[in-house]
């Protein structure tokens, strides 16, 4: 009972600090009975060409290995062409197509179709877009992931988990593009 007002005060204070810092406030996922939408926007202190290269050419260097089936992000690759695969190698010649590339405009846009991780086992379709804009020293990176269809138990529980996982990947990408390391503690 006493924790709720304190949590709200801290959240409001945190929100105020984020707003004052100039960082965009990230909305919660938009969830409906038939799907959800996750959107992020972050400023990366690196040119768009470098961020794009990190995104598609070095995904195994910044993606969290805990969010792979093999637990080794080095098994991830992106073939950045229409029909290309955001894939993961598995033992014994196995593999996973996480997403299929449907649109590429280097170094500005990559769009994928597919269902990530546990969503693959459900009757869903997804569209993920990575958009980069900016100048020679800074890039605005936008990620949107829209998923629709049917998932047992509804989208209310899975959408926040997908949002948290993608937020972590965006943070790791930003850190990697700016410093060459996906986390500050490496």
N, C-alpha and C. Protein backbone atom coordinates (compact mmCIF):
# COMPACT_ATOMS: atom_id res chain seq x y z
N UNK A 1 0.81 -1.19 0.00
CA UNK A 1 0.00 0.00 0.00
C UNK A 1 0.86 1.25 0.00
N UNK A 2 1.92 1.27 0.81
CA UNK A 2 2.74 2.47 0.88
C UNK A 2 3.69 2.59 -0.31
N UNK A 3 4.00 1.47 -0.99
CA UNK A 3 4.93 1.49 -2.12
C UNK A 3 4.38 2.18 -3.36
N UNK A 4 3.07 2.14 -3.57
CA UNK A 4 2.51 2.68 -4.81
C UNK A 4 2.76 4.18 -4.97
N UNK A 5 2.48 5.03 -3.95
CA UNK A 5 2.73 6.46 -4.14
C UNK A 5 4.21 6.77 -4.34
N UNK A 6 5.09 6.08 -3.63
CA UNK A 6 6.52 6.32 -3.79
C UNK A 6 6.94 5.96 -5.20
N UNK A 7 6.48 4.81 -5.71
CA UNK A 7 6.81 4.39 -7.06
C UNK A 7 6.33 5.42 -8.07
N UNK A 8 5.12 5.94 -7.87
CA UNK A 8 4.61 6.95 -8.80
C UNK A 8 5.47 8.21 -8.74
N UNK A 9 5.87 8.63 -7.54
CA UNK A 9 6.70 9.82 -7.41
C UNK A 9 8.04 9.61 -8.10
N UNK A 10 8.65 8.46 -7.90
CA UNK A 10 9.92 8.17 -8.54
C UNK A 10 9.76 8.12 -10.05
N UNK A 11 8.69 7.50 -10.52
CA UNK A 11 8.46 7.42 -11.96
C UNK A 11 8.26 8.80 -12.54
N UNK A 12 7.50 9.65 -11.86
CA UNK A 12 7.30 11.01 -12.35
C UNK A 12 8.60 11.78 -12.35
N UNK A 13 9.40 11.60 -11.30
CA UNK A 13 10.70 12.25 -11.24
C UNK A 13 11.62 11.77 -12.34
N UNK A 14 11.61 10.47 -12.57
CA UNK A 14 12.43 9.91 -13.64
C UNK A 14 11.96 10.45 -14.98
N UNK A 15 10.65 10.50 -15.19
CA UNK A 15 10.10 11.04 -16.43
C UNK A 15 10.54 12.49 -16.61
N UNK A 16 10.49 13.28 -15.55
CA UNK A 16 10.90 14.67 -15.64
C UNK A 16 12.38 14.78 -16.01
N UNK A 17 13.22 13.95 -15.41
CA UNK A 17 14.65 13.98 -15.73
C UNK A 17 14.89 13.59 -17.18
N UNK A 18 14.19 12.59 -17.66
CA UNK A 18 14.32 12.18 -19.06
C UNK A 18 13.89 13.31 -19.98
N UNK A 19 12.77 13.97 -19.66
CA UNK A 19 12.28 15.05 -20.49
C UNK A 19 13.27 16.21 -20.50
N UNK A 20 13.86 16.53 -19.35
CA UNK A 20 14.83 17.61 -19.27
C UNK A 20 16.13 17.28 -19.99
N UNK A 21 16.47 15.99 -20.05
CA UNK A 21 17.73 15.60 -20.68
C UNK A 21 17.65 15.67 -22.20
N UNK A 22 16.44 15.85 -22.75
CA UNK A 22 16.29 15.92 -24.19
C UNK A 22 16.14 14.56 -24.85
N UNK A 23 16.19 13.50 -24.07
CA UNK A 23 15.99 12.16 -24.62
C UNK A 23 14.51 11.96 -24.87
N UNK A 24 14.14 11.37 -26.00
CA UNK A 24 12.71 11.14 -26.24
C UNK A 24 12.14 10.13 -25.26
N UNK A 25 10.93 10.39 -24.82
CA UNK A 25 10.24 9.46 -23.94
C UNK A 25 9.68 8.33 -24.81
N UNK A 26 9.96 7.11 -24.43
CA UNK A 26 9.50 5.96 -25.21
C UNK A 26 8.14 5.53 -24.70
N UNK A 27 7.15 5.51 -25.57
CA UNK A 27 5.82 5.08 -25.13
C UNK A 27 5.81 3.58 -24.86
N UNK A 28 4.86 3.16 -24.04
CA UNK A 28 4.67 1.73 -23.79
C UNK A 28 4.15 1.11 -25.08
N UNK A 29 4.27 -0.21 -25.21
CA UNK A 29 3.76 -0.82 -26.44
C UNK A 29 2.26 -0.58 -26.56
N UNK A 30 1.83 -0.37 -27.79
CA UNK A 30 0.40 -0.26 -28.06
C UNK A 30 -0.12 -1.69 -28.23
N UNK A 31 -1.04 -2.09 -27.37
CA UNK A 31 -1.53 -3.47 -27.39
C UNK A 31 -3.03 -3.46 -27.67
N UNK A 32 -3.44 -4.33 -28.59
CA UNK A 32 -4.86 -4.54 -28.89
C UNK A 32 -5.14 -6.04 -28.77
N UNK A 33 -6.37 -6.45 -28.84
CA UNK A 33 -6.65 -7.90 -28.79
C UNK A 33 -6.03 -8.67 -29.95
N UNK A 34 -5.71 -7.97 -31.05
CA UNK A 34 -5.18 -8.64 -32.25
C UNK A 34 -3.70 -8.41 -32.50
N UNK A 35 -3.00 -7.71 -31.60
CA UNK A 35 -1.58 -7.49 -31.84
C UNK A 35 -1.00 -6.39 -30.97
N UNK A 36 0.20 -5.97 -31.36
CA UNK A 36 0.86 -4.90 -30.62
C UNK A 36 1.86 -4.18 -31.51
N UNK A 37 2.28 -2.99 -31.07
CA UNK A 37 3.28 -2.18 -31.75
C UNK A 37 4.27 -1.68 -30.72
N UNK A 38 5.55 -1.89 -31.00
CA UNK A 38 6.64 -1.38 -30.17
C UNK A 38 7.41 -0.39 -31.02
N UNK A 39 7.72 0.79 -30.45
CA UNK A 39 8.50 1.80 -31.17
C UNK A 39 9.56 2.38 -30.24
N UNK A 40 10.75 2.58 -30.81
CA UNK A 40 11.84 3.22 -30.09
C UNK A 40 12.52 4.23 -31.00
N UNK A 41 13.09 5.23 -30.40
CA UNK A 41 13.90 6.20 -31.11
C UNK A 41 15.06 6.57 -30.20
N UNK A 42 16.27 6.55 -30.75
CA UNK A 42 17.44 6.88 -29.96
C UNK A 42 18.44 7.63 -30.83
N UNK A 43 19.16 8.54 -30.21
CA UNK A 43 20.22 9.26 -30.90
C UNK A 43 21.54 8.54 -30.65
N UNK A 44 22.24 8.25 -31.72
CA UNK A 44 23.52 7.54 -31.64
C UNK A 44 24.62 8.50 -32.09
N UNK A 45 25.65 8.66 -31.28
CA UNK A 45 26.76 9.55 -31.61
C UNK A 45 27.74 8.86 -32.54
N UNK A 46 27.27 8.61 -33.76
CA UNK A 46 28.07 7.98 -34.81
C UNK A 46 27.36 8.24 -36.13
N UNK A 47 28.12 8.28 -37.23
CA UNK A 47 27.48 8.50 -38.53
C UNK A 47 26.58 7.33 -38.94
N UNK A 48 25.58 7.63 -39.76
CA UNK A 48 24.61 6.62 -40.18
C UNK A 48 25.28 5.42 -40.84
N UNK A 49 26.32 5.64 -41.63
CA UNK A 49 27.00 4.53 -42.30
C UNK A 49 27.60 3.57 -41.27
N UNK A 50 28.17 4.11 -40.20
CA UNK A 50 28.75 3.26 -39.16
C UNK A 50 27.66 2.51 -38.39
N UNK A 51 26.56 3.18 -38.10
CA UNK A 51 25.46 2.54 -37.38
C UNK A 51 24.85 1.44 -38.25
N UNK A 52 24.66 1.74 -39.53
CA UNK A 52 24.11 0.75 -40.46
C UNK A 52 25.03 -0.48 -40.54
N UNK A 53 26.32 -0.24 -40.64
CA UNK A 53 27.27 -1.36 -40.69
C UNK A 53 27.19 -2.20 -39.42
N UNK A 54 27.06 -1.55 -38.28
CA UNK A 54 26.92 -2.28 -37.01
C UNK A 54 25.63 -3.10 -37.02
N UNK A 55 24.54 -2.48 -37.48
CA UNK A 55 23.24 -3.16 -37.52
C UNK A 55 23.29 -4.43 -38.34
N UNK A 56 23.69 -4.32 -39.59
CA UNK A 56 23.58 -5.47 -40.50
C UNK A 56 24.86 -6.28 -40.61
N UNK A 57 26.01 -5.65 -40.47
CA UNK A 57 27.27 -6.37 -40.66
C UNK A 57 27.89 -6.93 -39.40
N UNK A 58 27.44 -6.43 -38.23
CA UNK A 58 28.06 -6.85 -36.98
C UNK A 58 27.03 -7.20 -35.91
N UNK A 59 25.88 -7.69 -36.32
CA UNK A 59 24.80 -7.99 -35.38
C UNK A 59 25.27 -8.94 -34.27
N UNK A 60 26.17 -9.84 -34.58
CA UNK A 60 26.68 -10.78 -33.59
C UNK A 60 27.59 -10.15 -32.55
N UNK A 61 27.98 -8.91 -32.78
CA UNK A 61 28.85 -8.21 -31.83
C UNK A 61 28.08 -7.41 -30.79
N UNK A 62 26.82 -7.06 -31.08
CA UNK A 62 26.07 -6.24 -30.12
C UNK A 62 24.80 -6.90 -29.60
N UNK A 63 24.24 -7.86 -30.31
CA UNK A 63 23.01 -8.51 -29.86
C UNK A 63 23.29 -9.33 -28.60
N UNK A 64 22.42 -9.26 -27.62
CA UNK A 64 22.63 -10.01 -26.37
C UNK A 64 22.49 -11.51 -26.63
N UNK A 65 23.53 -12.29 -26.33
CA UNK A 65 23.46 -13.73 -26.58
C UNK A 65 22.37 -14.44 -25.79
N UNK A 66 21.90 -13.84 -24.70
CA UNK A 66 20.80 -14.43 -23.93
C UNK A 66 19.50 -14.47 -24.73
N UNK A 67 19.44 -13.66 -25.78
CA UNK A 67 18.24 -13.61 -26.61
C UNK A 67 18.51 -14.29 -27.96
N UNK A 68 19.24 -15.40 -27.89
CA UNK A 68 19.46 -16.26 -29.05
C UNK A 68 19.14 -17.69 -28.62
N UNK A 69 18.88 -18.55 -29.59
CA UNK A 69 18.63 -19.95 -29.29
C UNK A 69 19.92 -20.68 -28.96
N UNK A 70 21.04 -20.26 -29.57
CA UNK A 70 22.32 -20.92 -29.37
C UNK A 70 23.09 -20.36 -28.17
N UNK A 71 22.62 -19.26 -27.62
CA UNK A 71 23.30 -18.53 -26.53
C UNK A 71 24.67 -18.03 -26.96
N UNK A 72 24.82 -17.79 -28.27
CA UNK A 72 26.05 -17.24 -28.82
C UNK A 72 25.69 -16.30 -29.96
N UNK A 73 25.76 -15.00 -29.72
CA UNK A 73 25.36 -14.01 -30.72
C UNK A 73 26.23 -14.08 -31.97
N UNK A 74 27.41 -14.66 -31.89
CA UNK A 74 28.27 -14.79 -33.07
C UNK A 74 27.63 -15.70 -34.12
N UNK A 75 26.61 -16.45 -33.75
CA UNK A 75 25.89 -17.31 -34.70
C UNK A 75 24.83 -16.54 -35.49
N UNK A 76 24.65 -15.25 -35.19
CA UNK A 76 23.68 -14.43 -35.90
C UNK A 76 24.29 -13.80 -37.14
N UNK A 77 23.48 -13.63 -38.16
CA UNK A 77 23.92 -12.92 -39.37
C UNK A 77 22.70 -12.30 -40.05
N UNK A 78 22.97 -11.24 -40.80
CA UNK A 78 21.92 -10.60 -41.59
C UNK A 78 22.43 -10.48 -43.02
N UNK A 79 21.69 -11.07 -43.94
CA UNK A 79 21.95 -10.95 -45.36
C UNK A 79 21.07 -9.80 -45.85
N UNK A 80 21.64 -8.60 -45.90
CA UNK A 80 20.88 -7.37 -46.14
C UNK A 80 20.55 -7.18 -47.62
N UNK A 81 19.63 -8.00 -48.10
CA UNK A 81 19.10 -7.88 -49.46
C UNK A 81 17.67 -8.41 -49.43
N UNK A 82 16.81 -7.97 -50.34
CA UNK A 82 15.45 -8.51 -50.35
C UNK A 82 15.49 -10.04 -50.44
N UNK A 83 14.76 -10.68 -49.54
CA UNK A 83 14.78 -12.15 -49.46
C UNK A 83 15.87 -12.68 -48.57
N UNK A 84 16.75 -11.80 -48.10
CA UNK A 84 17.83 -12.20 -47.20
C UNK A 84 17.30 -12.57 -45.83
N UNK A 85 18.16 -13.15 -45.04
CA UNK A 85 17.74 -13.72 -43.77
C UNK A 85 18.47 -13.08 -42.59
N UNK A 86 17.73 -12.76 -41.53
CA UNK A 86 18.30 -12.50 -40.21
C UNK A 86 18.25 -13.86 -39.55
N UNK A 87 19.36 -14.58 -39.60
CA UNK A 87 19.39 -15.99 -39.24
C UNK A 87 20.36 -16.28 -38.11
N UNK A 88 20.22 -17.46 -37.57
CA UNK A 88 21.10 -17.95 -36.51
C UNK A 88 21.46 -19.40 -36.81
N UNK A 89 22.76 -19.68 -36.77
CA UNK A 89 23.24 -21.05 -36.94
C UNK A 89 23.06 -21.80 -35.63
N UNK A 90 22.66 -23.07 -35.74
CA UNK A 90 22.53 -23.96 -34.59
C UNK A 90 23.39 -25.19 -34.81
N UNK A 91 23.70 -25.94 -33.74
CA UNK A 91 24.51 -27.15 -33.89
C UNK A 91 23.87 -28.16 -34.85
N UNK A 92 24.69 -29.05 -35.33
CA UNK A 92 24.25 -30.15 -36.21
C UNK A 92 23.59 -29.64 -37.48
N UNK A 93 24.12 -28.56 -38.06
CA UNK A 93 23.62 -27.95 -39.30
C UNK A 93 22.22 -27.39 -39.16
N UNK A 94 21.79 -27.09 -37.93
CA UNK A 94 20.48 -26.49 -37.71
C UNK A 94 20.53 -24.99 -37.88
N UNK A 95 19.38 -24.37 -37.82
CA UNK A 95 19.31 -22.93 -37.93
C UNK A 95 17.93 -22.39 -37.71
N UNK A 96 17.85 -21.08 -37.58
CA UNK A 96 16.58 -20.38 -37.36
C UNK A 96 16.55 -19.14 -38.23
N UNK A 97 15.45 -18.94 -38.92
CA UNK A 97 15.21 -17.67 -39.59
C UNK A 97 14.42 -16.82 -38.61
N UNK A 98 15.08 -15.83 -38.02
CA UNK A 98 14.39 -14.94 -37.09
C UNK A 98 13.47 -14.00 -37.86
N UNK A 99 14.00 -13.39 -38.92
CA UNK A 99 13.23 -12.45 -39.74
C UNK A 99 13.73 -12.56 -41.18
N UNK A 100 12.87 -12.19 -42.13
CA UNK A 100 13.24 -12.17 -43.55
C UNK A 100 13.30 -10.71 -43.99
N UNK A 101 14.38 -10.35 -44.70
CA UNK A 101 14.55 -8.99 -45.21
C UNK A 101 13.58 -8.78 -46.38
N UNK A 102 12.80 -7.69 -46.30
CA UNK A 102 11.85 -7.40 -47.38
C UNK A 102 12.13 -6.07 -48.06
N UNK A 103 12.93 -5.20 -47.44
CA UNK A 103 13.23 -3.89 -48.03
C UNK A 103 14.56 -3.41 -47.47
N UNK A 104 15.42 -2.92 -48.36
CA UNK A 104 16.72 -2.40 -47.95
C UNK A 104 17.02 -1.14 -48.75
N UNK A 105 17.41 -0.08 -48.06
CA UNK A 105 17.88 1.16 -48.67
C UNK A 105 19.07 1.65 -47.85
N UNK A 106 20.27 1.06 -48.06
CA UNK A 106 21.44 1.41 -47.25
C UNK A 106 21.81 2.88 -47.42
N UNK A 107 22.23 3.55 -46.41
CA UNK A 107 22.25 3.19 -45.00
C UNK A 107 21.06 3.78 -44.24
N UNK A 108 19.88 3.78 -44.88
CA UNK A 108 18.74 4.45 -44.25
C UNK A 108 17.67 3.53 -43.69
N UNK A 109 17.36 2.42 -44.36
CA UNK A 109 16.23 1.59 -43.94
C UNK A 109 16.52 0.12 -44.18
N UNK A 110 16.12 -0.69 -43.21
CA UNK A 110 16.03 -2.14 -43.39
C UNK A 110 14.67 -2.53 -42.81
N UNK A 111 13.89 -3.28 -43.60
CA UNK A 111 12.59 -3.75 -43.11
C UNK A 111 12.58 -5.27 -43.20
N UNK A 112 12.04 -5.87 -42.14
CA UNK A 112 11.97 -7.32 -42.03
C UNK A 112 10.52 -7.76 -41.87
N UNK A 113 10.29 -9.01 -42.21
CA UNK A 113 9.00 -9.65 -41.96
C UNK A 113 9.26 -10.89 -41.14
N UNK A 114 8.43 -11.11 -40.11
CA UNK A 114 8.59 -12.33 -39.34
C UNK A 114 8.26 -12.17 -37.87
N UNK A 115 8.39 -13.29 -37.18
CA UNK A 115 8.07 -13.36 -35.75
C UNK A 115 9.32 -13.75 -34.98
N UNK A 116 9.72 -12.92 -34.04
CA UNK A 116 10.91 -13.18 -33.24
C UNK A 116 10.64 -14.19 -32.13
N UNK A 117 11.67 -14.97 -31.82
CA UNK A 117 11.70 -15.83 -30.64
C UNK A 117 10.45 -16.63 -30.40
N UNK A 118 9.88 -16.50 -29.19
CA UNK A 118 8.72 -17.32 -28.83
C UNK A 118 7.49 -17.01 -29.67
N UNK A 119 7.48 -15.88 -30.38
CA UNK A 119 6.34 -15.56 -31.24
C UNK A 119 6.24 -16.51 -32.43
N UNK A 120 7.37 -17.14 -32.80
CA UNK A 120 7.38 -18.04 -33.96
C UNK A 120 6.42 -19.21 -33.81
N UNK A 121 6.17 -19.64 -32.60
CA UNK A 121 5.30 -20.78 -32.38
C UNK A 121 3.82 -20.44 -32.37
N UNK A 122 3.49 -19.19 -32.63
CA UNK A 122 2.09 -18.74 -32.62
C UNK A 122 1.66 -18.33 -34.02
N UNK A 123 0.39 -18.08 -34.17
CA UNK A 123 -0.15 -17.65 -35.46
C UNK A 123 -0.06 -16.15 -35.61
N UNK A 124 1.17 -15.63 -35.73
CA UNK A 124 1.36 -14.19 -35.84
C UNK A 124 2.23 -13.86 -37.05
N UNK A 125 2.10 -12.64 -37.49
CA UNK A 125 2.97 -12.07 -38.52
C UNK A 125 3.51 -10.77 -37.96
N UNK A 126 4.73 -10.41 -38.34
CA UNK A 126 5.32 -9.18 -37.83
C UNK A 126 6.05 -8.43 -38.91
N UNK A 127 6.16 -7.12 -38.71
CA UNK A 127 6.95 -6.25 -39.58
C UNK A 127 7.83 -5.38 -38.69
N UNK A 128 9.16 -5.49 -38.90
CA UNK A 128 10.10 -4.68 -38.13
C UNK A 128 10.85 -3.76 -39.09
N UNK A 129 10.92 -2.48 -38.73
CA UNK A 129 11.64 -1.50 -39.54
C UNK A 129 12.72 -0.84 -38.71
N UNK A 130 13.92 -0.79 -39.29
CA UNK A 130 15.03 -0.03 -38.73
C UNK A 130 15.26 1.15 -39.66
N UNK A 131 15.14 2.36 -39.13
CA UNK A 131 15.30 3.57 -39.93
C UNK A 131 16.39 4.43 -39.33
N UNK A 132 17.30 4.92 -40.18
CA UNK A 132 18.40 5.75 -39.74
C UNK A 132 18.38 7.07 -40.49
N UNK A 133 18.49 8.18 -39.75
CA UNK A 133 18.60 9.50 -40.35
C UNK A 133 19.63 10.28 -39.56
N UNK A 134 20.29 11.20 -40.22
CA UNK A 134 21.24 12.02 -39.48
C UNK A 134 22.35 12.57 -40.33
N UNK A 135 23.26 13.21 -39.63
CA UNK A 135 24.39 13.85 -40.27
C UNK A 135 25.67 13.05 -40.12
N UNK A 136 26.80 13.72 -40.31
CA UNK A 136 28.08 13.02 -40.30
C UNK A 136 28.51 12.52 -38.91
N UNK A 137 27.99 13.11 -37.83
CA UNK A 137 28.44 12.73 -36.50
C UNK A 137 27.36 12.10 -35.62
N UNK A 138 26.10 12.20 -36.02
CA UNK A 138 25.02 11.71 -35.18
C UNK A 138 23.93 11.10 -36.05
N UNK A 139 23.31 10.04 -35.52
CA UNK A 139 22.27 9.33 -36.26
C UNK A 139 21.07 9.13 -35.35
N UNK A 140 19.90 9.38 -35.90
CA UNK A 140 18.67 9.03 -35.19
C UNK A 140 18.28 7.64 -35.68
N UNK A 141 18.19 6.71 -34.73
CA UNK A 141 17.82 5.34 -35.05
C UNK A 141 16.41 5.10 -34.54
N UNK A 142 15.54 4.64 -35.44
CA UNK A 142 14.16 4.33 -35.07
C UNK A 142 13.91 2.85 -35.33
N UNK A 143 13.29 2.19 -34.39
CA UNK A 143 12.88 0.81 -34.55
C UNK A 143 11.39 0.74 -34.30
N UNK A 144 10.68 0.07 -35.20
CA UNK A 144 9.27 -0.22 -34.95
C UNK A 144 9.03 -1.70 -35.27
N UNK A 145 8.23 -2.33 -34.43
CA UNK A 145 7.90 -3.74 -34.62
C UNK A 145 6.42 -3.91 -34.37
N UNK A 146 5.70 -4.25 -35.44
CA UNK A 146 4.26 -4.43 -35.39
C UNK A 146 3.95 -5.90 -35.58
N UNK A 147 3.19 -6.47 -34.64
CA UNK A 147 2.87 -7.90 -34.66
C UNK A 147 1.36 -8.05 -34.57
N UNK A 148 0.81 -8.92 -35.40
CA UNK A 148 -0.62 -9.16 -35.35
C UNK A 148 -0.94 -10.63 -35.60
N UNK A 149 -2.10 -11.04 -35.15
CA UNK A 149 -2.54 -12.42 -35.34
C UNK A 149 -3.12 -12.98 -34.06
N UNK A 150 -2.77 -14.23 -33.76
CA UNK A 150 -3.28 -14.90 -32.57
C UNK A 150 -2.12 -15.46 -31.76
N UNK A 151 -2.18 -15.24 -30.45
CA UNK A 151 -1.23 -15.85 -29.53
C UNK A 151 -2.02 -16.30 -28.31
N UNK A 152 -1.78 -17.54 -27.90
CA UNK A 152 -2.51 -18.08 -26.75
C UNK A 152 -2.26 -17.21 -25.53
N UNK A 153 -3.32 -16.84 -24.84
CA UNK A 153 -3.20 -15.98 -23.66
C UNK A 153 -3.26 -14.50 -23.98
N UNK A 154 -3.23 -14.14 -25.25
CA UNK A 154 -3.32 -12.74 -25.65
C UNK A 154 -1.98 -12.04 -25.70
N UNK A 155 -2.02 -10.84 -26.22
CA UNK A 155 -0.80 -10.04 -26.44
C UNK A 155 -0.41 -9.20 -25.23
N UNK A 156 -1.29 -9.08 -24.24
CA UNK A 156 -1.04 -8.19 -23.10
C UNK A 156 0.22 -8.56 -22.33
N UNK A 157 0.52 -9.86 -22.22
CA UNK A 157 1.69 -10.28 -21.45
C UNK A 157 2.96 -10.33 -22.28
N UNK A 158 2.85 -10.73 -23.54
CA UNK A 158 4.06 -10.89 -24.36
C UNK A 158 4.58 -9.54 -24.88
N UNK A 159 3.70 -8.58 -25.13
CA UNK A 159 4.13 -7.30 -25.69
C UNK A 159 5.16 -6.59 -24.81
N UNK A 160 4.95 -6.47 -23.49
CA UNK A 160 5.97 -5.83 -22.65
C UNK A 160 7.31 -6.58 -22.65
N UNK A 161 7.26 -7.90 -22.72
CA UNK A 161 8.51 -8.68 -22.77
C UNK A 161 9.25 -8.43 -24.08
N UNK A 162 8.53 -8.37 -25.18
CA UNK A 162 9.15 -8.07 -26.48
C UNK A 162 9.73 -6.67 -26.46
N UNK A 163 8.97 -5.73 -25.91
CA UNK A 163 9.45 -4.35 -25.81
C UNK A 163 10.75 -4.27 -25.00
N UNK A 164 10.79 -4.94 -23.86
CA UNK A 164 11.99 -4.92 -23.00
C UNK A 164 13.19 -5.53 -23.72
N UNK A 165 12.97 -6.65 -24.42
CA UNK A 165 14.06 -7.29 -25.15
C UNK A 165 14.58 -6.37 -26.25
N UNK A 166 13.68 -5.77 -27.01
CA UNK A 166 14.11 -4.89 -28.10
C UNK A 166 14.77 -3.62 -27.56
N UNK A 167 14.26 -3.09 -26.45
CA UNK A 167 14.89 -1.91 -25.83
C UNK A 167 16.34 -2.22 -25.47
N UNK A 168 16.56 -3.41 -24.91
CA UNK A 168 17.92 -3.81 -24.57
C UNK A 168 18.80 -3.87 -25.81
N UNK A 169 18.27 -4.41 -26.91
CA UNK A 169 19.07 -4.52 -28.13
C UNK A 169 19.40 -3.13 -28.68
N UNK A 170 18.44 -2.21 -28.65
CA UNK A 170 18.68 -0.84 -29.12
C UNK A 170 19.76 -0.18 -28.27
N UNK A 171 19.69 -0.35 -26.95
CA UNK A 171 20.70 0.22 -26.06
C UNK A 171 22.08 -0.37 -26.36
N UNK A 172 22.14 -1.68 -26.59
CA UNK A 172 23.41 -2.35 -26.89
C UNK A 172 23.96 -1.89 -28.24
N UNK A 173 23.08 -1.72 -29.24
CA UNK A 173 23.51 -1.21 -30.54
C UNK A 173 24.11 0.19 -30.38
N UNK A 174 23.42 1.07 -29.68
CA UNK A 174 23.90 2.44 -29.46
C UNK A 174 25.29 2.41 -28.81
N UNK A 175 25.42 1.65 -27.76
CA UNK A 175 26.70 1.55 -27.05
C UNK A 175 27.79 1.00 -27.98
N UNK A 176 27.47 -0.02 -28.75
CA UNK A 176 28.43 -0.63 -29.65
C UNK A 176 28.86 0.34 -30.76
N UNK A 177 27.91 1.04 -31.37
CA UNK A 177 28.24 1.98 -32.44
C UNK A 177 29.09 3.14 -31.92
N UNK A 178 28.86 3.54 -30.68
CA UNK A 178 29.59 4.67 -30.12
C UNK A 178 30.95 4.28 -29.54
N UNK A 179 31.07 3.06 -29.01
CA UNK A 179 32.29 2.71 -28.27
C UNK A 179 32.99 1.44 -28.78
N UNK A 180 32.31 0.64 -29.59
CA UNK A 180 32.88 -0.63 -30.02
C UNK A 180 32.59 -1.76 -29.04
N UNK A 181 31.87 -1.45 -27.96
CA UNK A 181 31.48 -2.46 -26.97
C UNK A 181 29.97 -2.40 -26.77
N UNK A 182 29.29 -3.54 -26.69
CA UNK A 182 27.82 -3.51 -26.55
C UNK A 182 27.32 -3.10 -25.18
N UNK A 183 28.17 -3.17 -24.17
CA UNK A 183 27.77 -2.74 -22.82
C UNK A 183 28.88 -1.91 -22.22
N UNK A 184 28.51 -1.07 -21.27
CA UNK A 184 29.48 -0.19 -20.63
C UNK A 184 30.45 -0.97 -19.75
N UNK A 185 30.08 -2.16 -19.31
CA UNK A 185 30.91 -2.90 -18.36
C UNK A 185 31.87 -3.87 -19.03
N UNK A 186 31.86 -3.95 -20.34
CA UNK A 186 32.75 -4.91 -21.01
C UNK A 186 34.14 -4.41 -21.10
